[in-house]
Protein backbone atom coordinates (compact mmCIF):
# COMPACT_ATOMS: atom_id res chain seq x y z
CA MET A 1 17.15 38.19 6.65
CA GLU A 2 13.44 37.92 7.39
CA THR A 3 12.67 37.20 3.74
CA LYS A 4 15.31 34.50 3.60
CA SER A 5 14.10 32.83 6.81
CA ALA A 6 10.52 32.96 5.56
CA ARG A 7 11.44 31.27 2.30
CA THR A 8 13.54 28.51 3.85
CA PRO A 9 10.57 26.42 5.07
CA GLU A 10 8.89 26.69 1.65
CA ILE A 11 12.05 25.45 -0.05
CA ARG A 12 12.14 22.53 2.38
CA TYR A 13 8.55 21.59 1.57
CA ILE A 14 9.16 21.95 -2.18
CA ALA A 15 12.14 19.61 -1.75
CA LEU A 16 9.91 17.08 0.03
CA GLY A 17 7.50 17.30 -2.89
CA ALA A 18 10.38 16.66 -5.30
CA ILE A 19 11.35 13.59 -3.24
CA ALA A 20 7.76 12.34 -3.49
CA ALA A 21 7.85 12.76 -7.29
CA PHE A 22 11.18 10.90 -7.43
CA LEU A 23 9.76 8.02 -5.39
CA TYR A 24 6.78 7.75 -7.71
CA GLY A 25 9.00 7.87 -10.78
CA SER A 26 11.23 5.10 -9.41
CA THR A 27 8.35 2.62 -9.97
CA VAL A 28 9.68 0.25 -7.28
CA PHE A 29 8.97 2.78 -4.52
CA SER A 30 6.06 4.53 -6.24
CA LEU A 31 3.50 3.71 -3.56
CA PHE A 32 5.70 5.39 -0.93
CA PHE A 33 4.79 8.63 -2.71
CA ALA A 34 2.72 9.83 0.26
CA MET A 35 5.46 9.56 2.90
CA PRO A 36 7.21 12.91 2.19
CA LEU A 37 3.80 14.59 1.93
CA GLN A 38 2.90 13.31 5.39
CA THR A 39 6.23 14.62 6.70
CA SER A 40 5.34 18.05 5.33
CA TRP A 41 1.96 17.92 7.05
CA SER A 42 3.50 16.87 10.36
CA ARG A 43 6.07 19.67 10.20
CA GLY A 44 4.03 22.55 8.83
CA GLY A 45 0.35 21.66 8.66
CA TYR A 46 -1.92 21.73 5.64
CA ARG A 47 -0.24 24.77 4.04
CA ALA A 48 3.09 22.95 3.92
CA PHE A 49 1.27 19.87 2.62
CA ILE A 50 -0.25 21.88 -0.25
CA VAL A 51 3.17 23.29 -1.22
CA SER A 52 4.72 19.79 -1.25
CA LEU A 53 1.74 18.33 -3.09
CA ALA A 54 1.88 20.96 -5.84
CA ALA A 55 5.60 20.29 -6.37
CA ALA A 56 5.04 16.52 -6.30
CA LEU A 57 2.17 16.46 -8.80
CA ALA A 58 4.05 18.79 -11.15
CA GLY A 59 7.06 16.48 -11.03
CA VAL A 60 4.96 13.34 -11.51
CA ALA A 61 3.04 14.87 -14.44
CA ALA A 62 6.30 15.82 -16.16
CA TRP A 63 7.73 12.34 -15.59
CA LEU A 64 4.57 10.60 -16.87
CA PHE A 65 4.46 12.81 -19.95
CA TRP A 66 8.08 12.00 -20.76
CA GLN A 67 7.99 8.30 -19.85
CA TYR A 68 4.78 7.42 -21.70
CA ARG A 69 5.00 9.78 -24.66
CA GLY A 70 3.82 8.07 -27.82
CA LEU A 71 2.00 5.28 -25.98
CA PRO A 72 -1.74 4.75 -26.55
CA LEU A 73 -2.94 6.12 -23.22
CA GLY A 74 -5.50 8.57 -24.51
CA GLY A 75 -3.58 11.86 -24.53
CA VAL A 76 -4.40 14.34 -21.78
CA GLY A 77 -7.24 12.15 -20.50
CA GLY A 78 -4.89 9.21 -20.06
CA LEU A 79 -2.34 11.41 -18.31
CA LEU A 80 -4.99 12.64 -15.88
CA MET A 81 -6.09 9.07 -15.21
CA MET A 82 -2.51 8.07 -14.40
CA LEU A 83 -2.26 11.05 -12.06
CA SER A 84 -5.28 9.73 -10.16
CA LEU A 85 -3.17 7.32 -8.09
CA PRO A 86 -0.76 9.90 -6.63
CA ALA A 87 -3.63 12.39 -6.28
CA GLY A 88 -5.66 9.74 -4.46
CA LEU A 89 -2.78 8.93 -2.10
CA ALA A 90 -2.43 12.64 -1.34
CA GLY A 91 -6.16 12.88 -0.70
CA ALA A 92 -5.93 9.92 1.66
CA MET A 93 -3.16 11.66 3.63
CA ALA A 94 -5.28 14.81 3.87
CA LEU A 95 -8.27 12.88 5.18
CA VAL A 96 -6.23 10.87 7.70
CA ASN A 97 -4.94 14.18 9.13
CA ALA A 98 -8.33 15.91 9.05
CA GLY A 99 -9.36 17.43 12.35
CA PHE A 100 -12.93 16.11 12.23
CA LEU A 101 -11.56 12.52 12.25
CA ALA A 102 -9.05 13.11 15.06
CA GLY A 103 -11.22 11.30 17.60
CA LEU A 104 -11.17 8.02 15.65
CA PRO A 105 -8.54 5.29 16.16
CA LEU A 106 -5.64 5.43 13.71
CA VAL A 107 -6.73 2.30 11.83
CA TYR A 108 -10.20 3.74 11.19
CA ARG A 109 -8.77 7.07 10.01
CA ILE A 110 -6.49 5.30 7.56
CA LEU A 111 -9.34 3.08 6.39
CA THR A 112 -11.41 6.20 5.69
CA GLY A 113 -8.54 7.78 3.79
CA SER A 114 -7.98 4.58 1.82
CA LEU A 115 -11.58 4.61 0.63
CA VAL A 116 -10.85 7.99 -0.95
CA VAL A 117 -7.80 6.82 -2.89
CA ILE A 118 -9.63 3.65 -3.95
CA ALA A 119 -12.64 5.62 -5.18
CA ILE A 120 -10.37 7.96 -7.16
CA ALA A 121 -7.82 5.52 -8.55
CA LEU A 122 -9.67 2.23 -9.12
CA PRO A 123 -12.02 3.50 -11.87
CA SER A 124 -9.01 4.92 -13.70
CA VAL A 125 -7.15 1.61 -13.53
CA TYR A 126 -10.16 -0.26 -14.92
CA SER A 127 -10.61 2.38 -17.62
CA LEU A 128 -7.01 1.91 -18.73
CA PHE A 129 -7.41 -1.87 -18.83
CA ALA A 130 -10.66 -1.48 -20.81
CA ASN A 131 -9.03 0.81 -23.40
CA PRO A 132 -8.59 -1.31 -26.60
CA ASP A 133 -5.36 0.50 -27.51
CA VAL A 134 -3.91 -0.15 -24.06
CA GLN A 135 -4.97 -3.81 -24.24
CA THR A 136 -3.25 -4.18 -27.61
CA PHE A 137 -0.11 -2.55 -26.23
CA LEU A 138 -0.09 -4.80 -23.14
CA LEU A 139 -0.73 -7.93 -25.21
CA LYS A 140 2.22 -7.09 -27.46
CA GLY A 141 4.45 -6.73 -24.42
CA ILE A 142 3.22 -10.04 -22.98
CA GLU A 143 3.72 -11.79 -26.32
CA GLU A 144 7.32 -10.58 -26.52
CA MET A 145 7.92 -11.82 -22.99
CA THR A 146 6.34 -15.21 -23.68
CA ARG A 147 8.39 -15.67 -26.85
CA THR A 148 11.53 -15.18 -24.80
CA MET A 149 10.37 -17.64 -22.15
CA ASP A 150 9.13 -20.04 -24.82
CA SER A 151 12.63 -20.29 -26.26
CA VAL A 152 13.84 -21.42 -22.84
CA GLY A 153 11.25 -24.20 -22.63
CA GLY A 154 12.28 -25.77 -25.93
CA GLU A 155 10.47 -28.68 -27.54
CA GLY A 156 8.79 -31.63 -25.91
CA TYR A 157 6.39 -31.92 -22.99
CA ALA A 158 8.03 -29.23 -20.82
CA GLY A 159 7.90 -26.70 -23.65
CA ALA A 160 4.27 -27.53 -24.41
CA VAL A 161 3.28 -27.05 -20.77
CA LEU A 162 5.11 -23.74 -20.63
CA ARG A 163 3.45 -22.49 -23.82
CA SER A 164 -0.02 -23.50 -22.60
CA ASN A 165 0.47 -21.49 -19.43
CA LEU A 166 1.81 -18.39 -21.18
CA GLU A 167 -1.16 -17.54 -23.40
CA PRO A 168 -1.10 -13.71 -23.54
CA ARG A 169 -4.85 -13.10 -23.11
CA VAL A 170 -4.99 -15.50 -20.17
CA MET A 171 -2.07 -13.72 -18.55
CA LEU A 172 -3.69 -10.32 -19.12
CA GLU A 173 -6.94 -11.52 -17.55
CA ALA A 174 -5.00 -13.00 -14.61
CA ALA A 175 -3.23 -9.68 -14.08
CA ARG A 176 -6.57 -7.86 -14.12
CA ARG A 177 -7.96 -10.35 -11.57
CA VAL A 178 -4.97 -9.97 -9.25
CA ILE A 179 -5.31 -6.19 -9.36
CA ALA A 180 -9.01 -6.44 -8.53
CA ASP A 181 -8.43 -8.82 -5.61
CA ALA A 182 -5.59 -6.87 -3.99
CA PHE A 183 -5.75 -3.27 -5.22
CA ALA A 184 -7.68 -1.83 -2.27
CA ALA A 185 -5.65 -3.79 0.28
CA VAL A 186 -2.33 -2.64 -1.21
CA LEU A 187 -3.45 1.00 -1.21
CA PHE A 188 -4.60 0.64 2.40
CA ALA A 189 -1.19 -0.77 3.36
CA PHE A 190 0.71 2.03 1.65
CA THR A 191 -1.60 4.69 3.08
CA PHE A 192 -0.84 3.24 6.51
CA ALA A 193 2.91 3.10 5.79
CA GLY A 194 2.90 6.62 4.32
CA HIS A 195 1.22 8.07 7.40
CA TRP A 196 3.29 6.11 9.91
CA PHE A 197 6.77 6.55 8.43
CA GLY A 198 6.07 10.05 7.15
CA THR A 199 5.05 11.18 10.64
CA ARG A 200 8.07 9.48 12.21
CA ALA A 201 10.41 11.10 9.68
CA ALA A 202 9.14 14.54 10.71
CA GLY A 203 10.95 14.17 14.05
CA ALA A 204 9.90 14.01 17.68
CA ASP A 205 9.37 17.79 17.86
CA ALA A 206 6.80 17.79 15.04
CA PRO A 207 3.17 18.32 16.18
CA GLY A 208 2.00 15.23 14.29
CA ALA A 209 4.60 12.93 15.83
CA ARG A 210 2.80 12.92 19.18
CA ARG A 211 -0.27 11.28 17.64
CA LEU A 212 1.48 7.96 16.96
CA PRO A 213 2.13 5.23 19.53
CA ALA A 214 5.39 3.33 19.79
CA LEU A 215 5.41 0.17 17.67
CA SER A 216 5.72 -1.97 20.82
CA SER A 217 2.41 -0.58 22.13
CA PHE A 218 0.45 -0.47 18.87
CA SER A 219 -2.86 -2.33 18.87
CA VAL A 220 -5.91 -2.20 16.65
CA PRO A 221 -9.47 -1.73 17.99
CA GLY A 222 -10.83 -4.97 19.42
CA ARG A 223 -13.99 -4.98 17.30
CA LEU A 224 -11.87 -5.33 14.14
CA ILE A 225 -11.47 -9.02 14.98
CA TRP A 226 -14.95 -9.63 13.59
CA ALA A 227 -13.93 -8.13 10.26
CA PHE A 228 -10.85 -10.39 10.30
CA ILE A 229 -12.88 -13.53 10.98
CA GLY A 230 -15.72 -12.58 8.65
CA SER A 231 -13.56 -11.63 5.65
CA TRP A 232 -11.41 -14.75 5.80
CA SER A 233 -14.53 -16.88 6.29
CA ALA A 234 -15.91 -15.33 3.09
CA VAL A 235 -12.66 -16.06 1.21
CA LEU A 236 -12.72 -19.69 2.36
CA ALA A 237 -16.44 -20.05 1.62
CA LEU A 238 -15.91 -18.89 -1.95
CA ARG A 239 -13.42 -21.75 -2.36
CA LEU A 240 -16.11 -24.34 -1.62
CA GLN A 241 -17.44 -26.31 -4.56
CA ASN A 242 -21.06 -25.75 -3.47
CA LEU A 243 -20.58 -21.97 -3.81
CA SER A 244 -18.97 -22.05 -7.26
CA ASP A 245 -21.76 -19.81 -8.61
CA LEU A 246 -20.81 -17.08 -6.12
CA ARG A 247 -17.14 -17.48 -7.00
CA ALA A 248 -18.08 -16.73 -10.59
CA ALA A 249 -19.01 -13.19 -9.47
CA PRO A 250 -15.66 -11.33 -9.54
CA VAL A 251 -16.99 -8.46 -7.40
CA LEU A 252 -17.75 -10.72 -4.42
CA GLU A 253 -14.36 -12.40 -4.56
CA ALA A 254 -12.59 -9.05 -4.91
CA LEU A 255 -14.46 -7.62 -1.91
CA ALA A 256 -13.64 -10.66 0.23
CA TRP A 257 -9.95 -10.73 -0.67
CA ASN A 258 -9.42 -6.98 -0.30
CA ALA A 259 -11.14 -6.91 3.10
CA ALA A 260 -9.23 -9.96 4.34
CA LEU A 261 -5.83 -8.65 3.21
CA ALA A 262 -6.42 -5.13 4.57
CA VAL A 263 -7.49 -6.32 8.02
CA SER A 264 -4.69 -8.89 8.07
CA PHE A 265 -2.21 -6.09 7.43
CA CYS A 266 -3.48 -4.28 10.54
CA TYR A 267 -2.99 -7.39 12.65
CA ALA A 268 0.41 -8.04 11.09
CA VAL A 269 1.51 -4.60 12.31
CA GLN A 270 0.13 -5.50 15.73
CA GLY A 271 2.09 -8.75 15.53
CA LEU A 272 5.24 -6.72 14.85
CA GLY A 273 4.37 -4.63 17.90
CA ILE A 274 4.13 -7.76 20.04
CA LEU A 275 7.47 -8.96 18.72
CA ARG A 276 9.01 -5.55 19.42
CA HIS A 277 7.60 -5.61 22.97
CA VAL A 278 9.11 -9.07 23.59
CA LEU A 279 12.49 -7.98 22.17
CA GLU A 280 12.51 -4.92 24.42
CA ARG A 281 12.05 -7.18 27.46
CA VAL A 282 14.53 -9.85 26.36
CA ALA A 283 17.17 -7.59 24.78
CA PRO A 284 17.38 -4.23 26.54
CA THR A 285 20.01 -2.83 24.16
CA GLY A 286 18.95 -1.10 20.94
CA PRO A 287 21.05 -3.00 18.37
CA LEU A 288 19.74 -6.40 19.42
CA ARG A 289 16.14 -5.22 19.28
CA TRP A 290 16.51 -3.76 15.80
CA THR A 291 18.34 -6.87 14.58
CA GLY A 292 15.28 -8.97 15.43
CA ILE A 293 12.89 -6.60 13.66
CA LEU A 294 15.22 -6.39 10.64
CA LEU A 295 15.30 -10.18 10.40
CA VAL A 296 11.50 -10.31 10.33
CA VAL A 297 11.37 -7.60 7.64
CA LEU A 298 13.87 -9.55 5.51
CA LEU A 299 11.71 -12.66 5.87
CA LEU A 300 8.67 -10.64 4.79
CA PHE A 301 10.36 -9.50 1.57
CA ASN A 302 11.65 -12.97 0.69
CA LEU A 303 9.58 -14.68 -2.01
CA ARG A 304 9.64 -18.05 -0.22
CA THR A 305 9.05 -16.92 3.35
CA GLY A 306 7.10 -13.67 2.89
CA ALA A 307 3.57 -15.09 2.85
CA TRP A 308 4.25 -17.42 5.78
CA THR A 309 5.83 -14.64 7.86
CA ALA A 310 2.97 -12.24 7.14
CA GLY A 311 0.44 -14.94 8.03
CA ILE A 312 2.16 -15.75 11.33
CA LEU A 313 2.34 -12.06 12.28
CA SER A 314 -1.36 -11.59 11.43
CA VAL A 315 -2.41 -14.59 13.53
CA LEU A 316 -0.16 -13.40 16.36
CA GLY A 317 -1.78 -9.98 16.33
CA ALA A 318 -5.32 -11.35 16.02
CA THR A 319 -4.94 -13.85 18.87
CA GLU A 320 -3.95 -11.06 21.27
CA ASN A 321 -7.68 -10.49 21.61
CA TRP A 322 -7.70 -13.63 23.78
CA ILE A 323 -4.06 -14.14 24.81
CA PRO A 324 -2.41 -11.20 26.66
CA TYR A 325 1.03 -11.28 25.06
CA ARG A 326 1.77 -7.82 26.43
CA ILE A 327 1.18 -7.04 30.08
CA SER A 328 -0.12 -3.56 29.29
CA LYS A 329 -1.30 -2.50 25.85
CA GLY A 330 -0.60 0.96 24.58
CA VAL A 331 -3.24 3.58 24.08
CA GLN A 332 -5.08 3.05 20.80
CA THR A 333 -4.64 6.04 18.53
C-alpha cells in the first residue's frame, strides 16, 4: 500500500505534464502550456514540476517530430529550436516561483520570468524565419492561400486591389514584423496567465495558492505607471513624421510596442479587478458577478470589440493611480 500511495502523486504529475503537451499540440491553446506545470509546482514543489516538465517536453517533442516530419526545419537542430518555446515557458514558471524572488511583487516576478522565455525563444524564432528553406516553404503556403483569395476577387479594380495587397513576400515580411512587435508582450501575457490560472487550479489547500490575491483586490505597483506612460509615448512618437528615421529602425519600434503592450496587459488585469470589485458590491450573488466578467471576456475575444475593450480596461486600471475606484486596495503580491 505504501508503494502505491507513493506512486499516486507521481502519476498525477505525469498526467499534468501530458495535459501540457496536449495543450501545446492543440496549436490554439499552445501558449497555455505552462498552466499545468504551474499547478504541479503549487501542489508538489519543484520536484513535482520537474516530473511534469519531463513528461510535457517528451510529449511535445514526439508531437513536433510527427507533425513536422519531412518539412525543411533543419533536422534535430530545427526540432530543438521549436522546443525552445515550451522550454522557455517552463523556465519562466520556474523563475517566477523561485524563492530568491519571493519578496518582489507578482508583476515583477512574472516580468523577470518572461525575460527568460524571450531570451530563449526569440532567437530561435528569428533563426527559423531566416532559414532559406523555411522561407521557401512559408512563401509556397502564402502563395497557395493568395491564389485561393485571388479567385474570390475576380477581375476588375477590386481584384487588382486584392492582388496588390496579397504579395507573398510582403505578407511574409508583415508577419515577421508583427511577431517582432508583439512577441515579448504575448509571452509575458501567457506567462502571467499560466502562473495565475495554474496556481488557482491547484486548489485553495495548495501552498502556492496563498501567494495570489483575489482578482477584485489585484493591483500593480504604482511606479509601473511611468513605464505605461513612457512606452505609449514612445509608440506615438515613432508615428510622427519628424521621427520617420527612428521608425525605420525595427528594433526601436519593437521595443516600444512590446513594452507598451506588456504594461497595458498588467493594467487591463487591474481594470478587470476594479470591475470585479464593483460587481461584488452591486451584485452580491455569485452568478451575477460571474456573468459580468464573462461578458467582458467575450467582448475581449471578439474581433470587433476586443481592442476597444482591452484599451478601456487598461485605461481604467492605469487611472486608479489617481482615482480611487476601490475603497481599499488589496495587498500587492
